[in-house]
């Protein structure tokens, strides 16, 4: 197995790999750090190093993770990584490249897309859909029948009530309580959650 990335997210995923008694061959990074705390080989990425390898993109930023995916998708295969302590229903679907961290709970008939990060102790309830390149932060709780669109980020300890849609590339702040649908590119904070600004492109042009 290969990790693309050699910083904070990679350190967490490397520990997950060790906890699962799996092996990491080496890491690749566009700017290899000098302070990675383990005696592992870190190289600049090339097709030769990634060709036909099983890869996890160990990058926390959704947009960067997606960009790297498009750069390397024709060279390698993408692994699903799940910590042994996570509970994932047998009726859940998980896409390639997704990482599921310790003590996560994912209940029945959830669909999780490609290259998502489902972070430590987060909860995703029944029949929710998590699209590609989403990051669910530690201790976030999503009730049933929620749709989280591509590239959205759900912050640390946020709570989303049942039936809500979180728009594409939206950002839900740490500790927010989301009671209404969130449009694409919106930034939501507070309890109850409120839109404070928009990021990137969005239909309203705000």
C-alpha atoms as a PDB file:
ATOM      1  CA  UNK A   1       0.000   0.000   0.000  1.00  0.00           C
ATOM      2  CA  UNK A   2       1.122   3.567  -0.822  1.00  0.00           C
ATOM      3  CA  UNK A   3       0.096   6.843   0.805  1.00  0.00           C
ATOM      4  CA  UNK A   4      -0.040   9.974  -1.329  1.00  0.00           C
ATOM      5  CA  UNK A   5       0.694  12.686   1.219  1.00  0.00           C
ATOM      6  CA  UNK A   6       3.154  12.807   4.106  1.00  0.00           C
ATOM      7  CA  UNK A   7       1.759  15.272   6.627  1.00  0.00           C
ATOM      8  CA  UNK A   8      -0.917  15.275   9.322  1.00  0.00           C
ATOM      9  CA  UNK A   9      -3.534  13.162   7.553  1.00  0.00           C
ATOM     10  CA  UNK A  10      -0.863  10.685   6.445  1.00  0.00           C
ATOM     11  CA  UNK A  11       0.374  10.295  10.025  1.00  0.00           C
ATOM     12  CA  UNK A  12      -3.141   9.387  11.163  1.00  0.00           C
ATOM     13  CA  UNK A  13      -3.693   6.938   8.304  1.00  0.00           C
ATOM     14  CA  UNK A  14      -0.281   5.349   8.819  1.00  0.00           C
ATOM     15  CA  UNK A  15      -1.215   4.673  12.448  1.00  0.00           C
ATOM     16  CA  UNK A  16      -4.508   3.188  11.227  1.00  0.00           C
ATOM     17  CA  UNK A  17      -2.593   0.906   8.855  1.00  0.00           C
ATOM     18  CA  UNK A  18      -0.396  -0.319  11.704  1.00  0.00           C
ATOM     19  CA  UNK A  19      -3.431  -0.858  13.951  1.00  0.00           C
ATOM     20  CA  UNK A  20      -4.947  -3.064  11.261  1.00  0.00           C
ATOM     21  CA  UNK A  21      -1.691  -5.067  10.960  1.00  0.00           C
ATOM     22  CA  UNK A  22      -1.260  -3.951   7.371  1.00  0.00           C
ATOM     23  CA  UNK A  23       1.902  -2.853   5.599  1.00  0.00           C
ATOM     24  CA  UNK A  24       2.848   0.486   4.073  1.00  0.00           C
ATOM     25  CA  UNK A  25       5.396   0.269   1.273  1.00  0.00           C
ATOM     26  CA  UNK A  26       6.298   3.980   1.050  1.00  0.00           C
ATOM     27  CA  UNK A  27       4.819   7.485   0.799  1.00  0.00           C
ATOM     28  CA  UNK A  28       4.823  10.011  -2.011  1.00  0.00           C
ATOM     29  CA  UNK A  29       4.447  13.767  -1.618  1.00  0.00           C
ATOM     30  CA  UNK A  30       4.900  16.689  -4.003  1.00  0.00           C
ATOM     31  CA  UNK A  31       7.067  18.415  -1.390  1.00  0.00           C
ATOM     32  CA  UNK A  32       8.435  15.620   0.810  1.00  0.00           C
ATOM     33  CA  UNK A  33       8.762  16.810   4.426  1.00  0.00           C
ATOM     34  CA  UNK A  34      11.906  16.256   6.444  1.00  0.00           C
ATOM     35  CA  UNK A  35      10.119  15.775   9.772  1.00  0.00           C
ATOM     36  CA  UNK A  36       7.898  12.703   9.185  1.00  0.00           C
ATOM     37  CA  UNK A  37       8.300  10.886  12.522  1.00  0.00           C
ATOM     38  CA  UNK A  38       8.848   7.361  11.205  1.00  0.00           C
ATOM     39  CA  UNK A  39      11.642   5.722   9.240  1.00  0.00           C
ATOM     40  CA  UNK A  40       9.730   5.501   5.981  1.00  0.00           C
ATOM     41  CA  UNK A  41      10.773   6.278   2.436  1.00  0.00           C
ATOM     42  CA  UNK A  42       9.111   9.410   1.023  1.00  0.00           C
ATOM     43  CA  UNK A  43       9.459  10.146  -2.690  1.00  0.00           C
ATOM     44  CA  UNK A  44       8.150  12.692  -5.146  1.00  0.00           C
ATOM     45  CA  UNK A  45       5.263  11.068  -7.040  1.00  0.00           C
ATOM     46  CA  UNK A  46       5.885   9.569 -10.455  1.00  0.00           C
ATOM     47  CA  UNK A  47       3.917   7.191 -12.622  1.00  0.00           C
ATOM     48  CA  UNK A  48       6.550   4.515 -12.063  1.00  0.00           C
ATOM     49  CA  UNK A  49       6.144   4.697  -8.276  1.00  0.00           C
ATOM     50  CA  UNK A  50       2.328   4.522  -8.432  1.00  0.00           C
ATOM     51  CA  UNK A  51       1.730   2.219 -11.385  1.00  0.00           C
ATOM     52  CA  UNK A  52      -0.504  -0.717 -10.387  1.00  0.00           C
ATOM     53  CA  UNK A  53      -0.160   0.114  -6.671  1.00  0.00           C
ATOM     54  CA  UNK A  54      -2.941   0.286  -4.082  1.00  0.00           C
ATOM     55  CA  UNK A  55      -3.068   3.935  -3.031  1.00  0.00           C
ATOM     56  CA  UNK A  56      -4.765   6.039  -0.374  1.00  0.00           C
ATOM     57  CA  UNK A  57      -4.747   9.805  -0.973  1.00  0.00           C
ATOM     58  CA  UNK A  58      -3.849  10.974   2.535  1.00  0.00           C
ATOM     59  CA  UNK A  59      -4.818  14.626   2.099  1.00  0.00           C
ATOM     60  CA  UNK A  60      -7.434  16.296   4.316  1.00  0.00           C
ATOM     61  CA  UNK A  61      -8.383  19.114   1.932  1.00  0.00           C
ATOM     62  CA  UNK A  62     -11.251  17.958  -0.303  1.00  0.00           C
ATOM     63  CA  UNK A  63     -10.286  19.994  -3.363  1.00  0.00           C
ATOM     64  CA  UNK A  64      -6.632  18.954  -3.212  1.00  0.00           C
ATOM     65  CA  UNK A  65      -7.616  15.318  -2.724  1.00  0.00           C
ATOM     66  CA  UNK A  66      -9.862  15.493  -5.801  1.00  0.00           C
ATOM     67  CA  UNK A  67      -7.178  17.192  -7.899  1.00  0.00           C
ATOM     68  CA  UNK A  68      -4.641  14.500  -7.011  1.00  0.00           C
ATOM     69  CA  UNK A  69      -7.181  11.799  -7.838  1.00  0.00           C
ATOM     70  CA  UNK A  70      -7.581  13.160 -11.370  1.00  0.00           C
ATOM     71  CA  UNK A  71      -3.800  13.304 -11.794  1.00  0.00           C
ATOM     72  CA  UNK A  72      -3.154   9.677 -10.834  1.00  0.00           C
ATOM     73  CA  UNK A  73      -6.421   7.784 -11.427  1.00  0.00           C
ATOM     74  CA  UNK A  74      -5.165   6.047 -14.575  1.00  0.00           C
ATOM     75  CA  UNK A  75      -2.013   4.741 -12.916  1.00  0.00           C
ATOM     76  CA  UNK A  76      -3.149   2.975  -9.777  1.00  0.00           C
ATOM     77  CA  UNK A  77      -5.904   1.331  -7.788  1.00  0.00           C
ATOM     78  CA  UNK A  78      -7.542   2.918  -4.764  1.00  0.00           C
ATOM     79  CA  UNK A  79      -7.892   1.125  -1.472  1.00  0.00           C
ATOM     80  CA  UNK A  80     -10.715   1.434   1.081  1.00  0.00           C
ATOM     81  CA  UNK A  81      -9.263   1.860   4.561  1.00  0.00           C
ATOM     82  CA  UNK A  82     -11.354   1.099   7.661  1.00  0.00           C
ATOM     83  CA  UNK A  83     -10.093   1.009  11.242  1.00  0.00           C
ATOM     84  CA  UNK A  84     -10.958  -2.238  13.006  1.00  0.00           C
ATOM     85  CA  UNK A  85     -12.934  -0.371  15.714  1.00  0.00           C
ATOM     86  CA  UNK A  86     -15.350   1.271  13.255  1.00  0.00           C
ATOM     87  CA  UNK A  87     -18.853  -0.133  12.901  1.00  0.00           C
ATOM     88  CA  UNK A  88     -20.046  -0.142   9.294  1.00  0.00           C
ATOM     89  CA  UNK A  89     -23.366  -1.810   8.538  1.00  0.00           C
ATOM     90  CA  UNK A  90     -23.244  -4.757   6.176  1.00  0.00           C
ATOM     91  CA  UNK A  91     -25.895  -2.897   4.181  1.00  0.00           C
ATOM     92  CA  UNK A  92     -23.712   0.165   3.615  1.00  0.00           C
ATOM     93  CA  UNK A  93     -21.868   0.931   0.365  1.00  0.00           C
ATOM     94  CA  UNK A  94     -18.417   2.536   0.515  1.00  0.00           C
ATOM     95  CA  UNK A  95     -16.602   3.943  -2.507  1.00  0.00           C
ATOM     96  CA  UNK A  96     -12.958   3.470  -3.438  1.00  0.00           C
ATOM     97  CA  UNK A  97     -10.321   5.527  -1.685  1.00  0.00           C
ATOM     98  CA  UNK A  98     -12.493   6.306   1.348  1.00  0.00           C
ATOM     99  CA  UNK A  99     -10.950   6.218   4.830  1.00  0.00           C
ATOM    100  CA  UNK A 100     -13.046   5.344   7.891  1.00  0.00           C
ATOM    101  CA  UNK A 101     -11.362   6.279  11.152  1.00  0.00           C
ATOM    102  CA  UNK A 102     -11.567   4.734  14.657  1.00  0.00           C
ATOM    103  CA  UNK A 103     -14.907   4.474  16.492  1.00  0.00           C
ATOM    104  CA  UNK A 104     -16.998   5.622  13.545  1.00  0.00           C
ATOM    105  CA  UNK A 105     -20.585   4.332  13.373  1.00  0.00           C
ATOM    106  CA  UNK A 106     -22.257   4.029   9.969  1.00  0.00           C
ATOM    107  CA  UNK A 107     -25.714   2.490  10.010  1.00  0.00           C
ATOM    108  CA  UNK A 108     -27.858   0.632   7.495  1.00  0.00           C
ATOM    109  CA  UNK A 109     -28.308   1.601   3.857  1.00  0.00           C
ATOM    110  CA  UNK A 110     -25.866   4.496   3.907  1.00  0.00           C
ATOM    111  CA  UNK A 111     -24.062   5.199   0.624  1.00  0.00           C
ATOM    112  CA  UNK A 112     -20.594   6.743   0.857  1.00  0.00           C
ATOM    113  CA  UNK A 113     -18.837   7.949  -2.257  1.00  0.00           C
ATOM    114  CA  UNK A 114     -15.222   7.860  -3.380  1.00  0.00           C
ATOM    115  CA  UNK A 115     -12.265   9.386  -1.558  1.00  0.00           C
ATOM    116  CA  UNK A 116     -14.191  10.546   1.498  1.00  0.00           C
ATOM    117  CA  UNK A 117     -12.780  10.975   4.989  1.00  0.00           C
ATOM    118  CA  UNK A 118     -15.100   9.720   7.712  1.00  0.00           C
ATOM    119  CA  UNK A 119     -13.220  10.933  10.736  1.00  0.00           C
ATOM    120  CA  UNK A 120     -12.872   9.721  14.302  1.00  0.00           C
ATOM    121  CA  UNK A 121     -16.059   8.892  16.265  1.00  0.00           C
ATOM    122  CA  UNK A 122     -18.401  10.440  13.721  1.00  0.00           C
ATOM    123  CA  UNK A 123     -21.899   8.982  13.236  1.00  0.00           C
ATOM    124  CA  UNK A 124     -23.819   8.622   9.976  1.00  0.00           C
ATOM    125  CA  UNK A 125     -27.340   7.323  10.399  1.00  0.00           C
ATOM    126  CA  UNK A 126     -29.537   5.171   8.147  1.00  0.00           C
ATOM    127  CA  UNK A 127     -30.191   5.871   4.469  1.00  0.00           C
ATOM    128  CA  UNK A 128     -27.914   8.895   4.251  1.00  0.00           C
ATOM    129  CA  UNK A 129     -25.910   9.589   1.090  1.00  0.00           C
ATOM    130  CA  UNK A 130     -22.381  10.999   1.259  1.00  0.00           C
ATOM    131  CA  UNK A 131     -21.118  11.969  -2.184  1.00  0.00           C
ATOM    132  CA  UNK A 132     -17.496  11.956  -3.419  1.00  0.00           C
ATOM    133  CA  UNK A 133     -14.637  13.906  -1.796  1.00  0.00           C
ATOM    134  CA  UNK A 134     -16.535  14.760   1.404  1.00  0.00           C
ATOM    135  CA  UNK A 135     -14.853  15.169   4.808  1.00  0.00           C
ATOM    136  CA  UNK A 136     -16.883  14.351   7.926  1.00  0.00           C
ATOM    137  CA  UNK A 137     -14.878  15.665  10.901  1.00  0.00           C
ATOM    138  CA  UNK A 138     -14.430  13.984  14.314  1.00  0.00           C
ATOM    139  CA  UNK A 139     -17.547  13.645  16.485  1.00  0.00           C
ATOM    140  CA  UNK A 140     -19.904  14.991  13.828  1.00  0.00           C
ATOM    141  CA  UNK A 141     -23.373  13.402  13.918  1.00  0.00           C
ATOM    142  CA  UNK A 142     -25.594  13.061  10.864  1.00  0.00           C
ATOM    143  CA  UNK A 143     -29.154  11.839  11.394  1.00  0.00           C
ATOM    144  CA  UNK A 144     -30.997   9.629   8.906  1.00  0.00           C
ATOM    145  CA  UNK A 145     -31.824  10.419   5.278  1.00  0.00           C
ATOM    146  CA  UNK A 146     -29.243  13.183   4.931  1.00  0.00           C
ATOM    147  CA  UNK A 147     -27.652  14.069   1.587  1.00  0.00           C
ATOM    148  CA  UNK A 148     -24.137  15.525   1.721  1.00  0.00           C
ATOM    149  CA  UNK A 149     -23.129  16.633  -1.749  1.00  0.00           C
ATOM    150  CA  UNK A 150     -19.716  16.431  -3.375  1.00  0.00           C
ATOM    151  CA  UNK A 151     -16.830  18.236  -1.710  1.00  0.00           C
ATOM    152  CA  UNK A 152     -18.693  19.371   1.409  1.00  0.00           C
ATOM    153  CA  UNK A 153     -16.944  19.594   4.769  1.00  0.00           C
ATOM    154  CA  UNK A 154     -18.798  18.858   8.005  1.00  0.00           C
ATOM    155  CA  UNK A 155     -16.898  20.394  10.914  1.00  0.00           C
ATOM    156  CA  UNK A 156     -15.800  19.058  14.270  1.00  0.00           C
ATOM    157  CA  UNK A 157     -18.766  18.099  16.460  1.00  0.00           C
ATOM    158  CA  UNK A 158     -21.398  19.437  14.069  1.00  0.00           C
ATOM    159  CA  UNK A 159     -24.927  18.004  14.185  1.00  0.00           C
ATOM    160  CA  UNK A 160     -27.278  17.688  11.203  1.00  0.00           C
ATOM    161  CA  UNK A 161     -30.934  16.770  11.724  1.00  0.00           C
ATOM    162  CA  UNK A 162     -32.809  14.171   9.700  1.00  0.00           C
ATOM    163  CA  UNK A 163     -33.654  14.772   6.053  1.00  0.00           C
ATOM    164  CA  UNK A 164     -31.324  17.726   5.456  1.00  0.00           C
ATOM    165  CA  UNK A 165     -29.353  18.359   2.249  1.00  0.00           C
ATOM    166  CA  UNK A 166     -25.859  19.855   2.541  1.00  0.00           C
ATOM    167  CA  UNK A 167     -24.888  21.499  -0.744  1.00  0.00           C
ATOM    168  CA  UNK A 168     -21.844  20.918  -2.914  1.00  0.00           C
ATOM    169  CA  UNK A 169     -18.625  22.350  -1.439  1.00  0.00           C
ATOM    170  CA  UNK A 170     -20.535  23.710   1.555  1.00  0.00           C
ATOM    171  CA  UNK A 171     -18.709  24.110   4.867  1.00  0.00           C
ATOM    172  CA  UNK A 172     -20.418  23.372   8.183  1.00  0.00           C
ATOM    173  CA  UNK A 173     -18.497  24.952  11.042  1.00  0.00           C
ATOM    174  CA  UNK A 174     -17.370  23.208  14.199  1.00  0.00           C
ATOM    175  CA  UNK A 175     -20.235  22.646  16.629  1.00  0.00           C
ATOM    176  CA  UNK A 176     -22.908  23.925  14.244  1.00  0.00           C
ATOM    177  CA  UNK A 177     -26.455  22.557  14.512  1.00  0.00           C
ATOM    178  CA  UNK A 178     -27.976  22.343  11.041  1.00  0.00           C
ATOM    179  CA  UNK A 179     -31.783  22.516  10.986  1.00  0.00           C
ATOM    180  CA  UNK A 180     -32.439  23.586   7.365  1.00  0.00           C
ATOM    181  CA  UNK A 181     -31.055  22.733   3.952  1.00  0.00           C
ATOM    182  CA  UNK A 182     -27.696  24.292   3.090  1.00  0.00           C
ATOM    183  CA  UNK A 183     -27.093  25.606  -0.457  1.00  0.00           C
ATOM    184  CA  UNK A 184     -23.986  24.925  -2.507  1.00  0.00           C
ATOM    185  CA  UNK A 185     -20.827  26.754  -1.348  1.00  0.00           C
ATOM    186  CA  UNK A 186     -22.444  28.128   1.821  1.00  0.00           C
ATOM    187  CA  UNK A 187     -20.551  28.456   5.104  1.00  0.00           C
ATOM    188  CA  UNK A 188     -22.787  27.677   8.075  1.00  0.00           C
ATOM    189  CA  UNK A 189     -21.950  28.287  11.744  1.00  0.00           C
ATOM    190  CA  UNK A 190     -23.728  28.420  15.080  1.00  0.00           C
ATOM    191  CA  UNK A 191     -26.716  26.900  16.898  1.00  0.00           C
ATOM    192  CA  UNK A 192     -29.045  27.066  15.112  1.00  0.00           C
ATOM    193  CA  UNK A 193     -26.876  27.072  12.014  1.00  0.00           C
ATOM    194  CA  UNK A 194     -26.911  30.201   9.877  1.00  0.00           C
ATOM    195  CA  UNK A 195     -25.211  31.106   6.617  1.00  0.00           C
ATOM    196  CA  UNK A 196     -22.434  33.635   7.170  1.00  0.00           C
ATOM    197  CA  UNK A 197     -20.887  33.718   3.683  1.00  0.00           C
ATOM    198  CA  UNK A 198     -20.308  31.783   0.480  1.00  0.00           C
ATOM    199  CA  UNK A 199     -17.080  30.336  -0.920  1.00  0.00           C
ATOM    200  CA  UNK A 200     -16.171  29.715  -4.547  1.00  0.00           C
ATOM    201  CA  UNK A 201     -18.831  29.711  -7.257  1.00  0.00           C
ATOM    202  CA  UNK A 202     -22.528  29.548  -6.412  1.00  0.00           C
ATOM    203  CA  UNK A 203     -25.766  30.259  -8.235  1.00  0.00           C
ATOM    204  CA  UNK A 204     -26.760  33.390  -6.319  1.00  0.00           C
ATOM    205  CA  UNK A 205     -23.483  35.165  -7.104  1.00  0.00           C
ATOM    206  CA  UNK A 206     -23.222  36.428  -3.529  1.00  0.00           C
END
